[in-house]
Amino acid sequence: MASVVSSKYAQALFEICVENENTDKIYNEVFEIQKLYEENKDYNSILTNPKINKQEKMELITSLLKGKVSDDILGLFSAIIAKNREKLINEILLKFLDLIDEHNGVKACTVVSSMGLSDVQRSKLIIRVEKLLDKRIKLIEKIDESIIGGLYIEVDGKALDGTVTGRLEKLRKQFSLLELKEGV
């Protein structure tokens, strides 16, 4: 249910942006707000606190964002707070960003590595993947030390496992098959 509601709010903001021809501006504003919201869990705690009334929540949002973001963003927050949907804020913002990316032909590309990529590695990877897909990508980096080394790349549900852990698992399976064939 929450996903459907979040999608409706995100879709409404998206349609307003397309109509007003300011998708890039709103995208950047929402991106910054979402990043801030995710990094600072206190905002979520305050906005979802039932002891704080709607007017106080809206005053907080207005004091934080007025003059820094468009009226469309303030309108979105006003609608969210009016309908007691504060728990969905992050999901709504993420869905909106996805809608804009889809509209602009940008694909999400998740890259998992054992340690963060350097700026040079990141740039080279983006260039290679964009050339391979013939589309712009948005790189989502994740760190998982258990893969030991290499990269795991996923785009559109298709994965390329170039990790050390993946290669070791492949070797283990090959040895298991070899043992079964030879009856060892």
C-alpha atoms as a PDB file:
ATOM      1  CA  MET A   1       0.000   0.000   0.000  1.00  0.00           C
ATOM      2  CA  ALA A   2       2.765   2.451   0.960  1.00  0.00           C
ATOM      3  CA  SER A   3       4.486   1.908  -2.373  1.00  0.00           C
ATOM      4  CA  VAL A   4       1.321   2.797  -4.304  1.00  0.00           C
ATOM      5  CA  VAL A   5       0.794   5.957  -2.247  1.00  0.00           C
ATOM      6  CA  SER A   6       4.455   6.977  -2.623  1.00  0.00           C
ATOM      7  CA  SER A   7       4.240   6.463  -6.360  1.00  0.00           C
ATOM      8  CA  LYS A   8       1.197   8.738  -6.594  1.00  0.00           C
ATOM      9  CA  TYR A   9       2.956  11.591  -4.790  1.00  0.00           C
ATOM     10  CA  ALA A  10       6.115  11.122  -6.870  1.00  0.00           C
ATOM     11  CA  GLN A  11       4.075  10.956 -10.085  1.00  0.00           C
ATOM     12  CA  ALA A  12       2.187  14.152  -9.192  1.00  0.00           C
ATOM     13  CA  LEU A  13       5.436  16.071  -8.626  1.00  0.00           C
ATOM     14  CA  PHE A  14       6.887  14.594 -11.809  1.00  0.00           C
ATOM     15  CA  GLU A  15       3.895  15.749 -13.875  1.00  0.00           C
ATOM     16  CA  ILE A  16       4.145  19.261 -12.422  1.00  0.00           C
ATOM     17  CA  CYS A  17       7.852  19.377 -13.306  1.00  0.00           C
ATOM     18  CA  VAL A  18       7.300  18.211 -16.861  1.00  0.00           C
ATOM     19  CA  GLU A  19       4.456  20.686 -17.311  1.00  0.00           C
ATOM     20  CA  ASN A  20       6.579  23.558 -15.931  1.00  0.00           C
ATOM     21  CA  GLU A  21       9.670  22.366 -17.827  1.00  0.00           C
ATOM     22  CA  ASN A  22      11.861  22.438 -14.717  1.00  0.00           C
ATOM     23  CA  THR A  23      12.696  18.751 -14.258  1.00  0.00           C
ATOM     24  CA  ASP A  24      16.454  19.339 -13.898  1.00  0.00           C
ATOM     25  CA  LYS A  25      16.026  22.032 -11.250  1.00  0.00           C
ATOM     26  CA  ILE A  26      13.549  19.985  -9.194  1.00  0.00           C
ATOM     27  CA  TYR A  27      15.635  16.823  -9.643  1.00  0.00           C
ATOM     28  CA  ASN A  28      18.665  18.573  -8.125  1.00  0.00           C
ATOM     29  CA  GLU A  29      16.600  19.953  -5.245  1.00  0.00           C
ATOM     30  CA  VAL A  30      15.020  16.579  -4.485  1.00  0.00           C
ATOM     31  CA  PHE A  31      18.398  14.846  -4.772  1.00  0.00           C
ATOM     32  CA  GLU A  32      19.907  17.162  -2.158  1.00  0.00           C
ATOM     33  CA  ILE A  33      16.892  16.877   0.167  1.00  0.00           C
ATOM     34  CA  GLN A  34      16.850  13.082  -0.110  1.00  0.00           C
ATOM     35  CA  LYS A  35      20.569  12.875   0.621  1.00  0.00           C
ATOM     36  CA  LEU A  36      20.170  15.167   3.620  1.00  0.00           C
ATOM     37  CA  TYR A  37      17.116  13.251   4.824  1.00  0.00           C
ATOM     38  CA  GLU A  38      18.923   9.908   4.569  1.00  0.00           C
ATOM     39  CA  GLU A  39      22.070  11.197   6.294  1.00  0.00           C
ATOM     40  CA  ASN A  40      20.206  12.889   9.156  1.00  0.00           C
ATOM     41  CA  LYS A  41      17.768  10.471  10.801  1.00  0.00           C
ATOM     42  CA  ASP A  42      16.660  13.243  13.193  1.00  0.00           C
ATOM     43  CA  TYR A  43      14.545  14.785  10.414  1.00  0.00           C
ATOM     44  CA  ASN A  44      12.644  11.535  10.043  1.00  0.00           C
ATOM     45  CA  SER A  45      12.189  11.252  13.806  1.00  0.00           C
ATOM     46  CA  ILE A  46      10.852  14.792  14.077  1.00  0.00           C
ATOM     47  CA  LEU A  47       8.557  14.588  11.068  1.00  0.00           C
ATOM     48  CA  THR A  48       7.075  11.237  12.095  1.00  0.00           C
ATOM     49  CA  ASN A  49       6.648  12.190  15.756  1.00  0.00           C
ATOM     50  CA  PRO A  50       2.897  12.159  16.508  1.00  0.00           C
ATOM     51  CA  LYS A  51       3.379  14.654  19.367  1.00  0.00           C
ATOM     52  CA  ILE A  52       4.414  17.352  16.887  1.00  0.00           C
ATOM     53  CA  ASN A  53       1.379  18.795  15.117  1.00  0.00           C
ATOM     54  CA  LYS A  54       1.081  19.377  11.379  1.00  0.00           C
ATOM     55  CA  GLN A  55       1.527  23.132  11.644  1.00  0.00           C
ATOM     56  CA  GLU A  56       4.791  22.781  13.591  1.00  0.00           C
ATOM     57  CA  LYS A  57       6.090  20.222  11.097  1.00  0.00           C
ATOM     58  CA  MET A  58       5.285  22.512   8.179  1.00  0.00           C
ATOM     59  CA  GLU A  59       6.895  25.457   9.956  1.00  0.00           C
ATOM     60  CA  LEU A  60      10.047  23.364  10.415  1.00  0.00           C
ATOM     61  CA  ILE A  61      10.106  22.369   6.733  1.00  0.00           C
ATOM     62  CA  THR A  62       9.466  25.955   5.660  1.00  0.00           C
ATOM     63  CA  SER A  63      12.229  27.320   7.893  1.00  0.00           C
ATOM     64  CA  LEU A  64      14.683  24.732   6.538  1.00  0.00           C
ATOM     65  CA  LEU A  65      13.780  24.927   2.851  1.00  0.00           C
ATOM     66  CA  LYS A  66      12.114  28.270   2.035  1.00  0.00           C
ATOM     67  CA  GLY A  67      14.248  30.209  -0.414  1.00  0.00           C
ATOM     68  CA  LYS A  68      16.409  27.133  -1.040  1.00  0.00           C
ATOM     69  CA  VAL A  69      13.907  25.045  -2.986  1.00  0.00           C
ATOM     70  CA  SER A  70      11.027  25.709  -5.339  1.00  0.00           C
ATOM     71  CA  ASP A  71       7.438  26.195  -4.240  1.00  0.00           C
ATOM     72  CA  ASP A  72       6.624  22.840  -5.890  1.00  0.00           C
ATOM     73  CA  ILE A  73       8.814  21.070  -3.315  1.00  0.00           C
ATOM     74  CA  LEU A  74       7.233  22.989  -0.447  1.00  0.00           C
ATOM     75  CA  GLY A  75       3.831  22.082  -1.888  1.00  0.00           C
ATOM     76  CA  LEU A  76       4.799  18.421  -1.940  1.00  0.00           C
ATOM     77  CA  PHE A  77       5.819  18.524   1.714  1.00  0.00           C
ATOM     78  CA  SER A  78       2.626  20.393   2.587  1.00  0.00           C
ATOM     79  CA  ALA A  79       0.520  17.671   0.922  1.00  0.00           C
ATOM     80  CA  ILE A  80       2.527  14.894   2.599  1.00  0.00           C
ATOM     81  CA  ILE A  81       2.161  16.435   6.049  1.00  0.00           C
ATOM     82  CA  ALA A  82      -1.539  17.282   5.542  1.00  0.00           C
ATOM     83  CA  LYS A  83      -2.283  13.610   4.802  1.00  0.00           C
ATOM     84  CA  ASN A  84      -0.035  12.217   7.571  1.00  0.00           C
ATOM     85  CA  ARG A  85       2.294  10.542   5.062  1.00  0.00           C
ATOM     86  CA  GLU A  86       5.556  11.691   6.690  1.00  0.00           C
ATOM     87  CA  LYS A  87       6.825   8.102   6.999  1.00  0.00           C
ATOM     88  CA  LEU A  88       6.832   7.917   3.204  1.00  0.00           C
ATOM     89  CA  ILE A  89       8.973  10.993   2.534  1.00  0.00           C
ATOM     90  CA  ASN A  90      12.185   9.152   1.649  1.00  0.00           C
ATOM     91  CA  GLU A  91      10.352   6.623  -0.515  1.00  0.00           C
ATOM     92  CA  ILE A  92       8.490   9.420  -2.344  1.00  0.00           C
ATOM     93  CA  LEU A  93      11.719  11.312  -2.999  1.00  0.00           C
ATOM     94  CA  LEU A  94      13.481   8.183  -4.306  1.00  0.00           C
ATOM     95  CA  LYS A  95      10.549   7.298  -6.575  1.00  0.00           C
ATOM     96  CA  PHE A  96      10.536  10.825  -7.959  1.00  0.00           C
ATOM     97  CA  LEU A  97      14.269  10.621  -8.746  1.00  0.00           C
ATOM     98  CA  ASP A  98      13.670   7.285 -10.509  1.00  0.00           C
ATOM     99  CA  LEU A  99      10.865   8.816 -12.607  1.00  0.00           C
ATOM    100  CA  ILE A 100      13.122  11.671 -13.732  1.00  0.00           C
ATOM    101  CA  ASP A 101      15.964   9.258 -14.519  1.00  0.00           C
ATOM    102  CA  GLU A 102      13.593   7.103 -16.564  1.00  0.00           C
ATOM    103  CA  HIS A 103      12.253  10.203 -18.336  1.00  0.00           C
ATOM    104  CA  ASN A 104      15.825  11.244 -19.204  1.00  0.00           C
ATOM    105  CA  GLY A 105      16.850   7.751 -20.351  1.00  0.00           C
ATOM    106  CA  VAL A 106      19.258   7.253 -17.457  1.00  0.00           C
ATOM    107  CA  LYS A 107      19.793   3.701 -16.215  1.00  0.00           C
ATOM    108  CA  ALA A 108      20.761   2.805 -12.668  1.00  0.00           C
ATOM    109  CA  CYS A 109      23.973   0.792 -12.513  1.00  0.00           C
ATOM    110  CA  THR A 110      24.886  -0.782  -9.189  1.00  0.00           C
ATOM    111  CA  VAL A 111      28.553  -1.544  -8.609  1.00  0.00           C
ATOM    112  CA  VAL A 112      29.709  -3.552  -5.621  1.00  0.00           C
ATOM    113  CA  SER A 113      33.380  -3.552  -4.688  1.00  0.00           C
ATOM    114  CA  SER A 114      35.390  -4.574  -1.653  1.00  0.00           C
ATOM    115  CA  MET A 115      36.532  -0.971  -1.205  1.00  0.00           C
ATOM    116  CA  GLY A 116      35.399   2.312  -2.709  1.00  0.00           C
ATOM    117  CA  LEU A 117      36.316   3.145  -6.291  1.00  0.00           C
ATOM    118  CA  SER A 118      38.810   5.901  -6.984  1.00  0.00           C
ATOM    119  CA  ASP A 119      37.671   8.861  -9.098  1.00  0.00           C
ATOM    120  CA  VAL A 120      39.642   7.494 -12.064  1.00  0.00           C
ATOM    121  CA  GLN A 121      38.148   3.993 -11.716  1.00  0.00           C
ATOM    122  CA  ARG A 122      34.652   5.459 -11.360  1.00  0.00           C
ATOM    123  CA  SER A 123      35.056   7.625 -14.479  1.00  0.00           C
ATOM    124  CA  LYS A 124      36.445   4.759 -16.568  1.00  0.00           C
ATOM    125  CA  LEU A 125      33.675   2.427 -15.408  1.00  0.00           C
ATOM    126  CA  ILE A 126      30.956   4.954 -16.245  1.00  0.00           C
ATOM    127  CA  ILE A 127      32.431   5.533 -19.721  1.00  0.00           C
ATOM    128  CA  ARG A 128      32.659   1.788 -20.432  1.00  0.00           C
ATOM    129  CA  VAL A 129      29.176   0.936 -19.194  1.00  0.00           C
ATOM    130  CA  GLU A 130      27.574   3.892 -20.992  1.00  0.00           C
ATOM    131  CA  LYS A 131      29.325   2.885 -24.208  1.00  0.00           C
ATOM    132  CA  LEU A 132      28.256  -0.733 -23.782  1.00  0.00           C
ATOM    133  CA  LEU A 133      24.603   0.164 -23.097  1.00  0.00           C
ATOM    134  CA  ASP A 134      24.505   3.208 -25.384  1.00  0.00           C
ATOM    135  CA  LYS A 135      22.704   5.003 -22.521  1.00  0.00           C
ATOM    136  CA  ARG A 136      23.600   7.362 -19.702  1.00  0.00           C
ATOM    137  CA  ILE A 137      23.935   5.705 -16.319  1.00  0.00           C
ATOM    138  CA  LYS A 138      23.643   6.697 -12.693  1.00  0.00           C
ATOM    139  CA  LEU A 139      26.293   4.825 -10.742  1.00  0.00           C
ATOM    140  CA  ILE A 140      25.237   3.466  -7.368  1.00  0.00           C
ATOM    141  CA  GLU A 141      28.257   2.309  -5.415  1.00  0.00           C
ATOM    142  CA  LYS A 142      28.116  -0.231  -2.622  1.00  0.00           C
ATOM    143  CA  ILE A 143      30.931  -1.663  -0.557  1.00  0.00           C
ATOM    144  CA  ASP A 144      30.986  -5.308   0.493  1.00  0.00           C
ATOM    145  CA  GLU A 145      34.289  -6.474   1.945  1.00  0.00           C
ATOM    146  CA  SER A 146      33.205 -10.126   1.699  1.00  0.00           C
ATOM    147  CA  ILE A 147      33.732 -10.130  -2.089  1.00  0.00           C
ATOM    148  CA  ILE A 148      37.487  -9.855  -1.410  1.00  0.00           C
ATOM    149  CA  GLY A 149      38.227  -8.024  -4.677  1.00  0.00           C
ATOM    150  CA  GLY A 150      36.944  -7.301  -8.165  1.00  0.00           C
ATOM    151  CA  LEU A 151      33.565  -5.841  -9.104  1.00  0.00           C
ATOM    152  CA  TYR A 152      29.961  -6.969  -9.236  1.00  0.00           C
ATOM    153  CA  ILE A 153      27.965  -4.866 -11.720  1.00  0.00           C
ATOM    154  CA  GLU A 154      24.191  -4.928 -12.173  1.00  0.00           C
ATOM    155  CA  VAL A 155      22.081  -3.035 -14.722  1.00  0.00           C
ATOM    156  CA  ASP A 156      18.455  -3.784 -15.651  1.00  0.00           C
ATOM    157  CA  GLY A 157      18.465  -7.027 -13.672  1.00  0.00           C
ATOM    158  CA  LYS A 158      21.517  -8.331 -15.575  1.00  0.00           C
ATOM    159  CA  ALA A 159      24.649  -8.979 -13.573  1.00  0.00           C
ATOM    160  CA  LEU A 160      28.336  -9.343 -14.295  1.00  0.00           C
ATOM    161  CA  ASP A 161      30.193 -11.007 -11.437  1.00  0.00           C
ATOM    162  CA  GLY A 162      33.902 -10.266 -11.665  1.00  0.00           C
ATOM    163  CA  THR A 163      34.505 -10.653  -7.933  1.00  0.00           C
ATOM    164  CA  VAL A 164      37.127 -12.898  -6.387  1.00  0.00           C
ATOM    165  CA  THR A 165      34.385 -14.545  -4.319  1.00  0.00           C
ATOM    166  CA  GLY A 166      32.340 -15.174  -7.477  1.00  0.00           C
ATOM    167  CA  ARG A 167      35.315 -16.701  -9.269  1.00  0.00           C
ATOM    168  CA  LEU A 168      36.125 -18.935  -6.285  1.00  0.00           C
ATOM    169  CA  GLU A 169      32.497 -20.093  -6.148  1.00  0.00           C
ATOM    170  CA  LYS A 170      32.624 -20.904  -9.875  1.00  0.00           C
ATOM    171  CA  LEU A 171      35.801 -22.951  -9.346  1.00  0.00           C
ATOM    172  CA  ARG A 172      34.224 -24.781  -6.399  1.00  0.00           C
ATOM    173  CA  LYS A 173      31.248 -25.761  -8.577  1.00  0.00           C
ATOM    174  CA  GLN A 174      33.538 -26.914 -11.394  1.00  0.00           C
ATOM    175  CA  PHE A 175      35.513 -29.101  -8.987  1.00  0.00           C
ATOM    176  CA  SER A 176      32.275 -30.533  -7.590  1.00  0.00           C
ATOM    177  CA  LEU A 177      31.114 -31.441 -11.098  1.00  0.00           C
ATOM    178  CA  LEU A 178      34.516 -32.949 -11.874  1.00  0.00           C
ATOM    179  CA  GLU A 179      34.335 -35.072  -8.737  1.00  0.00           C
ATOM    180  CA  LEU A 180      30.860 -36.298  -9.672  1.00  0.00           C
ATOM    181  CA  LYS A 181      31.962 -37.233 -13.217  1.00  0.00           C
ATOM    182  CA  GLU A 182      35.029 -39.103 -12.024  1.00  0.00           C
ATOM    183  CA  GLY A 183      33.212 -40.695  -9.081  1.00  0.00           C
ATOM    184  CA  VAL A 184      35.709 -39.423  -6.575  1.00  0.00           C
END
